[in-house]
Amino acid sequence: MESSPLTDRERSSIGLRLMEKAGLAEMDGWLAVAVLGLFAMSLFTLQQATAEPTGQYLQRQALYGLVGIIGMIAISRIDYSRFRELRVGIYTFLCASIFAVFAFGVAARGSTNSLELPFFTFQPAELGKLLLILALAGFVIDGARRGTGFRRTLSYLALGLFPTGLVLLQDLGTSLVFAAITATILMIAGTRWTHLAAIGTGAIAFTAIVLVLMPMVGAPVLKEYQQDRLTSFLSPSSTIGDAGYQQNQAKVGIGAGGTTGRGDQATQSDLGFVPERHTDFIFAVVAERYGFVGAALVLSLFALLFWRALRLMTLSKNRYGTLVAGGIAAAIIFQVFVNVGMNLGIMPITGIPLPLVSYGGSAVIATFLMIGVLQSIHIESHAAQRSPWID
């Protein structure tokens, strides 16, 4: 006997049940739209910009995204508060994974910051951004019950700066993201402004020592090319050196895009004048190919993501969720600010990728996991509305 076809109402009901079973119906829809839109923009741009016969960049990025989305859904089903209980283990794993790079790391693009795994090259520091947020927020919440003195603030700072210093020896850009995460969590936690002022003064003094004093005495901390990248944006017209050339070519590409872009006539990116066009300078490729409209679309999606993360800070069921949401928001928006700024020539070149848009397995997967934690905060905040408020 021939079965009767399903009605639209039945199909809708089946689809809703499948979404509920996977936990998708409980997620923040606007947040999902933002991250999936950014990743779709990444795939579309890579397909157009790399133009290679094998399509390996596009295929690998799609695979990284699939793994990341599965990880995002899985981690969203875990109550994020459990990570607070695991803060010591998470912090230990974070430091151990960074130490592993010193022992077993492989060099790539001038830095030794990766581990060679059977299926792909993994950068522990990318996942380390999320691990630092989860661990440091837990330590701050736990320590708040024991006092708020300057020694307590210094202990939190030391917990953040220890992995930051280790990463600095491997990757300058990622170490800056670690520092931004540490500073943001301390500020959201209510650290006194006098303590923050003292820390800021110390940070300025440390920067002066690293950039000026140490090179003068013949013991530079940063490599010569890293110093060139940090200072090249101060001389916008200079084309001497690799860093100055990169920023000038990126700005030419962005300017050539105009309002709606040059499409297939985007010679700056298609002919390889824009360096690292699939990673650090992919924003310049978007701006040249799709113009102001494409660049504004990417920035609007990031603004939507940032708004939803800030909203979750206020809706979180406890202070730990507030600190974690704030740390994730800071990590993502800091990377966007620096990456777009270095494409425009107003920020130093630090090798920071554009989250979810730049090509790269470790960064894409780690960012999707961050979004998974935000989704967990969203799910738990709605569940907490039916139960007493818990700190």
Protein backbone atom coordinates (compact mmCIF):
# COMPACT_ATOMS: atom_id res chain seq x y z
CA MET A 1 0.00 0.00 0.00
CA GLU A 2 1.43 3.38 -0.90
CA SER A 3 2.00 5.61 2.09
CA SER A 4 0.48 9.08 2.09
CA PRO A 5 2.95 12.02 1.77
CA LEU A 6 3.72 14.08 4.85
CA THR A 7 1.91 17.37 5.23
CA ASP A 8 3.81 20.64 5.78
CA ARG A 9 2.63 20.67 9.39
CA GLU A 10 3.98 17.15 9.98
CA ARG A 11 7.33 18.03 8.37
CA SER A 12 7.57 21.12 10.54
CA SER A 13 6.83 19.05 13.63
CA ILE A 14 9.50 16.47 12.74
CA GLY A 15 12.07 19.19 12.08
CA LEU A 16 11.27 20.86 15.40
CA ARG A 17 11.62 17.57 17.28
CA LEU A 18 15.01 16.92 15.65
CA MET A 19 16.19 20.42 16.58
CA GLU A 20 14.99 19.95 20.15
CA LYS A 21 16.71 16.58 20.36
CA ALA A 22 20.00 18.12 19.23
CA GLY A 23 19.50 21.08 21.54
CA LEU A 24 19.44 23.55 18.65
CA ALA A 25 16.01 24.96 19.53
CA GLU A 26 17.34 26.22 22.88
CA MET A 27 20.29 28.09 21.37
CA ASP A 28 20.56 31.83 20.81
CA GLY A 29 19.39 32.14 17.20
CA TRP A 30 20.94 35.56 16.55
CA LEU A 31 24.30 34.36 17.83
CA ALA A 32 24.09 31.33 15.53
CA VAL A 33 23.21 33.57 12.57
CA ALA A 34 26.26 35.76 13.25
CA VAL A 35 28.83 32.94 13.48
CA LEU A 36 27.43 30.89 10.60
CA GLY A 37 27.21 34.03 8.45
CA LEU A 38 30.85 34.87 9.16
CA PHE A 39 31.97 31.34 8.38
CA ALA A 40 29.93 31.30 5.15
CA MET A 41 31.68 34.56 4.21
CA SER A 42 35.00 32.84 4.87
CA LEU A 43 34.20 29.91 2.55
CA PHE A 44 32.86 32.20 -0.18
CA THR A 45 35.91 34.47 -0.02
CA LEU A 46 38.40 31.59 0.03
CA GLN A 47 36.73 30.03 -3.00
CA GLN A 48 37.01 33.28 -4.93
CA ALA A 49 40.37 34.53 -3.62
CA THR A 50 42.62 31.49 -3.57
CA ALA A 51 41.54 30.21 -7.01
CA GLU A 52 43.71 27.10 -6.81
CA PRO A 53 43.01 24.00 -8.92
CA THR A 54 42.85 21.56 -6.01
CA GLY A 55 40.65 23.75 -3.80
CA GLN A 56 42.55 22.49 -0.75
CA TYR A 57 42.07 25.68 1.27
CA LEU A 58 38.31 25.63 0.76
CA GLN A 59 38.01 21.90 1.50
CA ARG A 60 40.14 22.08 4.64
CA GLN A 61 38.36 25.19 5.92
CA ALA A 62 34.99 23.46 5.38
CA LEU A 63 36.24 20.43 7.32
CA TYR A 64 37.56 22.62 10.14
CA GLY A 65 34.21 24.38 10.27
CA LEU A 66 32.30 21.09 10.41
CA VAL A 67 34.46 19.89 13.32
CA GLY A 68 34.03 23.25 15.03
CA ILE A 69 30.24 23.28 14.64
CA ILE A 70 29.98 19.75 16.06
CA GLY A 71 32.19 20.84 18.97
CA MET A 72 30.09 23.98 19.47
CA ILE A 73 26.86 21.97 19.71
CA ALA A 74 28.48 19.43 22.04
CA ILE A 75 29.91 22.01 24.45
CA SER A 76 26.66 23.98 24.48
CA ARG A 77 24.99 20.91 26.07
CA ILE A 78 27.40 21.08 29.05
CA ASP A 79 26.59 23.33 31.99
CA TYR A 80 29.44 25.86 31.75
CA SER A 81 29.56 26.13 35.58
CA ARG A 82 31.27 22.73 35.65
CA PHE A 83 34.36 24.33 34.11
CA ARG A 84 34.72 26.45 37.25
CA GLU A 85 35.15 23.28 39.30
CA LEU A 86 37.82 22.09 36.84
CA ARG A 87 39.80 25.37 36.84
CA VAL A 88 43.01 23.85 38.27
CA GLY A 89 43.04 21.01 35.75
CA ILE A 90 42.19 23.37 32.86
CA TYR A 91 44.98 25.78 33.83
CA THR A 92 47.48 22.93 34.20
CA PHE A 93 46.54 21.58 30.78
CA LEU A 94 46.84 25.08 29.29
CA CYS A 95 50.40 25.53 30.57
CA ALA A 96 51.41 21.96 29.72
CA SER A 97 50.18 22.30 26.14
CA ILE A 98 52.17 25.51 25.69
CA PHE A 99 55.28 23.88 27.18
CA ALA A 100 54.79 20.98 24.74
CA VAL A 101 55.34 23.39 21.87
CA PHE A 102 58.83 24.19 23.20
CA ALA A 103 59.67 20.50 23.19
CA PHE A 104 57.84 19.21 20.12
CA GLY A 105 56.81 22.31 18.16
CA VAL A 106 57.25 22.76 14.43
CA ALA A 107 58.07 26.04 12.69
CA ALA A 108 55.52 27.74 10.46
CA ARG A 109 55.52 31.28 8.99
CA GLY A 110 58.52 32.31 11.07
CA SER A 111 57.15 31.10 14.42
CA THR A 112 57.38 27.84 16.32
CA ASN A 113 53.90 27.67 17.82
CA SER A 114 52.38 24.44 16.48
CA LEU A 115 52.29 20.72 17.12
CA GLU A 116 52.25 18.31 14.19
CA LEU A 117 49.29 15.94 14.71
CA PRO A 118 48.35 13.02 12.42
CA PHE A 119 45.62 14.94 10.61
CA PHE A 120 46.55 18.62 10.91
CA THR A 121 48.88 21.14 12.52
CA PHE A 122 47.50 22.23 15.89
CA GLN A 123 48.27 25.50 17.65
CA PRO A 124 47.69 24.98 21.42
CA ALA A 125 47.65 28.73 22.06
CA GLU A 126 44.47 29.13 19.98
CA LEU A 127 42.57 26.72 22.24
CA GLY A 128 44.49 28.28 25.12
CA LYS A 129 42.46 31.49 24.77
CA LEU A 130 39.30 29.65 25.84
CA LEU A 131 41.14 27.62 28.50
CA LEU A 132 42.57 30.80 30.04
CA ILE A 133 39.09 32.38 30.17
CA LEU A 134 37.50 29.35 31.85
CA ALA A 135 40.33 28.90 34.37
CA LEU A 136 41.03 32.55 35.25
CA ALA A 137 37.33 33.34 35.73
CA GLY A 138 37.11 30.39 38.12
CA PHE A 139 40.15 31.51 40.12
CA VAL A 140 38.78 35.06 40.38
CA ILE A 141 35.37 33.89 41.61
CA ASP A 142 36.98 31.52 44.10
CA GLY A 143 39.44 34.15 45.37
CA ALA A 144 36.82 36.92 45.73
CA ARG A 145 35.55 35.27 48.90
CA ARG A 146 39.00 35.62 50.48
CA GLY A 147 39.47 39.35 49.92
CA THR A 148 40.08 42.03 47.30
CA GLY A 149 43.50 43.39 48.29
CA PHE A 150 46.35 44.28 45.96
CA ARG A 151 48.10 40.98 46.65
CA ARG A 152 44.98 39.16 45.52
CA THR A 153 44.90 41.24 42.33
CA LEU A 154 48.59 40.48 41.69
CA SER A 155 47.94 36.76 42.11
CA TYR A 156 45.21 36.89 39.42
CA LEU A 157 47.53 38.91 37.22
CA ALA A 158 50.32 36.38 37.67
CA LEU A 159 47.94 33.56 36.69
CA GLY A 160 47.13 35.39 33.47
CA LEU A 161 50.60 36.62 32.64
CA PHE A 162 52.41 33.33 33.16
CA PRO A 163 50.87 31.64 30.07
CA THR A 164 50.96 35.03 28.32
CA GLY A 165 54.74 35.19 28.76
CA LEU A 166 55.16 31.63 27.50
CA VAL A 167 53.10 32.37 24.40
CA LEU A 168 55.05 35.61 23.83
CA LEU A 169 58.13 33.48 23.20
CA GLN A 170 56.21 31.64 20.45
CA ASP A 171 53.64 34.03 18.98
CA LEU A 172 53.46 37.79 19.62
CA GLY A 173 49.88 38.27 18.38
CA THR A 174 48.33 35.49 20.45
CA SER A 175 50.14 36.70 23.57
CA LEU A 176 48.44 40.09 23.13
CA VAL A 177 45.04 38.33 23.05
CA PHE A 178 45.97 36.52 26.28
CA ALA A 179 46.85 39.88 27.88
CA ALA A 180 43.55 41.41 26.70
CA ILE A 181 41.61 38.48 28.19
CA THR A 182 43.39 38.84 31.54
CA ALA A 183 42.81 42.60 31.72
CA THR A 184 39.13 42.29 30.76
CA ILE A 185 38.31 39.60 33.32
CA LEU A 186 40.00 41.65 36.06
CA MET A 187 38.02 44.75 35.09
CA ILE A 188 34.67 42.94 34.91
CA ALA A 189 35.40 41.30 38.27
CA GLY A 190 35.45 44.75 39.85
CA THR A 191 39.16 45.23 40.44
CA ARG A 192 39.86 48.64 41.99
CA TRP A 193 40.89 51.35 39.53
CA THR A 194 44.01 52.07 41.59
CA HIS A 195 45.12 48.48 41.12
CA LEU A 196 44.40 48.68 37.38
CA ALA A 197 46.33 51.96 37.13
CA ALA A 198 49.34 50.37 38.85
CA ILE A 199 49.12 47.36 36.54
CA GLY A 200 48.84 49.63 33.47
CA THR A 201 51.94 51.56 34.54
CA GLY A 202 53.80 48.30 34.94
CA ALA A 203 52.66 47.14 31.52
CA ILE A 204 53.93 50.35 29.89
CA ALA A 205 57.27 49.98 31.65
CA PHE A 206 57.50 46.33 30.56
CA THR A 207 56.74 47.27 26.95
CA ALA A 208 59.45 49.95 27.01
CA ILE A 209 61.95 47.44 28.37
CA VAL A 210 61.08 44.83 25.73
CA LEU A 211 60.98 47.20 22.75
CA VAL A 212 63.67 49.73 23.67
CA LEU A 213 65.96 48.79 26.55
CA MET A 214 66.60 45.11 25.77
CA PRO A 215 67.53 45.72 22.09
CA MET A 216 69.85 48.58 23.21
CA VAL A 217 71.85 46.24 25.47
CA GLY A 218 72.01 43.55 22.77
CA ALA A 219 69.44 41.17 24.26
CA PRO A 220 66.27 41.59 22.17
CA VAL A 221 63.18 39.64 23.29
CA LEU A 222 61.43 40.05 19.93
CA LYS A 223 62.87 38.99 16.60
CA GLU A 224 63.81 41.68 14.11
CA TYR A 225 60.84 40.98 11.84
CA GLN A 226 58.48 41.23 14.86
CA GLN A 227 59.89 44.66 15.76
CA ASP A 228 59.48 45.75 12.12
CA ARG A 229 55.85 44.68 12.15
CA LEU A 230 55.13 46.55 15.38
CA THR A 231 56.63 49.80 14.10
CA SER A 232 55.84 49.71 10.36
CA PHE A 233 52.37 51.29 10.76
CA LEU A 234 54.04 54.39 12.21
CA SER A 235 55.54 55.07 8.74
CA PRO A 236 52.55 54.53 6.43
CA SER A 237 54.32 55.70 3.27
CA SER A 238 57.31 53.40 3.76
CA THR A 239 57.62 50.44 1.42
CA ILE A 240 60.97 49.39 2.79
CA GLY A 241 60.81 45.98 4.39
CA ASP A 242 58.26 43.20 4.28
CA ALA A 243 55.90 44.70 6.88
CA GLY A 244 55.57 48.07 5.15
CA TYR A 245 54.96 46.37 1.80
CA GLN A 246 52.18 44.18 3.24
CA GLN A 247 50.23 47.05 4.74
CA ASN A 248 50.59 49.28 1.69
CA GLN A 249 49.33 46.55 -0.66
CA ALA A 250 46.41 45.77 1.65
CA LYS A 251 45.40 49.44 1.73
CA VAL A 252 45.59 49.65 -2.06
CA GLY A 253 43.27 46.66 -2.31
CA ILE A 254 40.77 48.09 0.19
CA GLY A 255 40.74 51.44 -1.60
CA ALA A 256 40.29 49.81 -5.01
CA GLY A 257 37.15 48.01 -3.83
CA GLY A 258 35.04 51.16 -3.75
CA THR A 259 31.37 50.80 -2.84
CA THR A 260 30.45 47.42 -4.34
CA GLY A 261 33.86 45.88 -5.08
CA ARG A 262 35.79 44.82 -8.15
CA GLY A 263 34.57 41.21 -8.21
CA ASP A 264 36.62 39.07 -10.57
CA GLN A 265 38.71 42.15 -11.47
CA ALA A 266 40.23 42.23 -7.95
CA THR A 267 43.82 42.13 -9.17
CA GLN A 268 45.47 43.10 -5.88
CA SER A 269 44.30 39.91 -4.19
CA ASP A 270 43.90 37.59 -7.18
CA LEU A 271 47.42 38.26 -8.51
CA GLY A 272 48.99 37.86 -5.10
CA PHE A 273 49.96 41.48 -4.42
CA VAL A 274 48.13 41.28 -1.09
CA PRO A 275 50.24 38.89 1.03
CA GLU A 276 48.73 36.19 3.25
CA ARG A 277 45.41 36.90 1.55
CA HIS A 278 43.74 33.79 2.95
CA THR A 279 44.85 34.39 6.58
CA ASP A 280 45.95 37.71 8.12
CA PHE A 281 44.82 39.93 5.23
CA ILE A 282 41.55 38.27 4.21
CA PHE A 283 39.65 41.44 5.23
CA ALA A 284 41.49 43.34 2.48
CA VAL A 285 40.39 40.64 0.01
CA VAL A 286 36.75 41.00 1.12
CA ALA A 287 36.95 44.79 0.80
CA GLU A 288 38.50 44.64 -2.69
CA ARG A 289 36.18 41.96 -4.09
CA TYR A 290 32.94 43.11 -2.47
CA GLY A 291 33.73 46.72 -1.61
CA PHE A 292 32.29 48.71 1.27
CA VAL A 293 29.13 46.58 1.16
CA GLY A 294 31.04 43.33 1.80
CA ALA A 295 33.27 44.85 4.48
CA ALA A 296 30.25 46.38 6.23
CA LEU A 297 28.46 43.02 6.15
CA VAL A 298 31.40 41.31 7.88
CA LEU A 299 31.67 44.04 10.52
CA SER A 300 27.88 43.99 11.06
CA LEU A 301 27.98 40.26 11.76
CA PHE A 302 30.78 40.82 14.27
CA ALA A 303 28.73 43.61 15.87
CA LEU A 304 25.77 41.20 16.16
CA LEU A 305 28.03 38.58 17.77
CA PHE A 306 29.45 41.14 20.21
CA TRP A 307 25.96 42.40 21.14
CA ARG A 308 24.73 38.89 21.92
CA ALA A 309 27.85 38.15 24.02
CA LEU A 310 27.35 41.37 26.03
CA ARG A 311 23.68 40.48 26.47
CA LEU A 312 24.67 37.10 27.91
CA MET A 313 26.89 38.87 30.45
CA THR A 314 23.76 40.41 31.95
CA LEU A 315 21.56 37.32 31.64
CA SER A 316 24.03 34.80 33.06
CA LYS A 317 22.76 32.83 36.05
CA ASN A 318 25.93 33.56 38.06
CA ARG A 319 29.06 35.75 38.15
CA TYR A 320 31.21 33.01 36.64
CA GLY A 321 29.08 33.13 33.50
CA THR A 322 29.39 36.92 33.42
CA LEU A 323 33.19 36.75 33.54
CA VAL A 324 33.35 33.96 30.96
CA ALA A 325 31.03 35.75 28.52
CA GLY A 326 33.01 38.96 28.98
CA GLY A 327 36.31 37.17 28.42
CA ILE A 328 35.05 35.55 25.22
CA ALA A 329 33.63 38.84 23.96
CA ALA A 330 36.96 40.54 24.69
CA ALA A 331 38.99 37.83 22.95
CA ILE A 332 36.91 38.01 19.77
CA ILE A 333 36.45 41.77 19.54
CA PHE A 334 40.15 42.42 20.32
CA GLN A 335 41.15 40.15 17.43
CA VAL A 336 38.68 41.88 15.09
CA PHE A 337 39.90 45.33 16.14
CA VAL A 338 43.59 44.49 15.65
CA ASN A 339 43.14 42.47 12.43
CA VAL A 340 40.97 45.06 10.68
CA GLY A 341 43.24 47.82 12.00
CA MET A 342 46.37 46.22 10.56
CA ASN A 343 44.58 45.73 7.22
CA LEU A 344 43.78 49.46 7.26
CA GLY A 345 47.34 50.35 8.29
CA ILE A 346 46.43 51.89 11.64
CA MET A 347 47.56 48.98 13.82
CA PRO A 348 50.79 46.98 13.94
CA ILE A 349 51.03 43.68 12.08
CA THR A 350 50.85 41.06 14.81
CA GLY A 351 49.67 37.95 12.95
CA ILE A 352 46.25 37.93 14.62
CA PRO A 353 43.63 36.25 12.36
CA LEU A 354 40.11 37.52 11.72
CA PRO A 355 37.94 35.12 13.79
CA LEU A 356 35.94 32.59 11.73
CA VAL A 357 36.91 34.34 8.47
CA SER A 358 40.67 33.77 8.20
CA TYR A 359 41.84 30.35 7.06
CA GLY A 360 43.15 28.16 9.88
CA GLY A 361 42.01 24.99 11.63
CA SER A 362 43.05 25.72 15.21
CA ALA A 363 41.62 29.24 15.24
CA VAL A 364 38.32 28.25 13.57
CA ILE A 365 37.69 25.27 15.86
CA ALA A 366 38.68 27.21 19.00
CA THR A 367 36.36 30.10 18.09
CA PHE A 368 33.42 27.76 17.50
CA LEU A 369 34.10 26.21 20.93
CA MET A 370 33.98 29.71 22.45
CA ILE A 371 30.60 30.22 20.83
CA GLY A 372 29.52 26.85 22.24
CA VAL A 373 30.29 28.13 25.76
CA LEU A 374 28.27 31.28 25.05
CA GLN A 375 25.39 29.09 23.90
CA SER A 376 25.67 27.10 27.14
CA ILE A 377 25.38 30.36 29.10
CA HIS A 378 22.27 31.21 27.07
CA ILE A 379 20.67 27.80 27.66
CA GLU A 380 21.49 27.79 31.38
CA SER A 381 20.23 31.36 31.86
CA HIS A 382 16.81 30.34 30.54
CA ALA A 383 16.80 27.21 32.68
CA ALA A 384 17.73 29.29 35.75
CA GLN A 385 14.62 31.44 35.30
CA ARG A 386 12.68 28.47 36.63
CA SER A 387 14.98 27.98 39.65
CA PRO A 388 16.56 30.15 42.39
CA TRP A 389 19.53 32.36 41.48
CA ILE A 390 22.82 30.60 42.28
CA ASP A 391 26.33 32.06 42.58
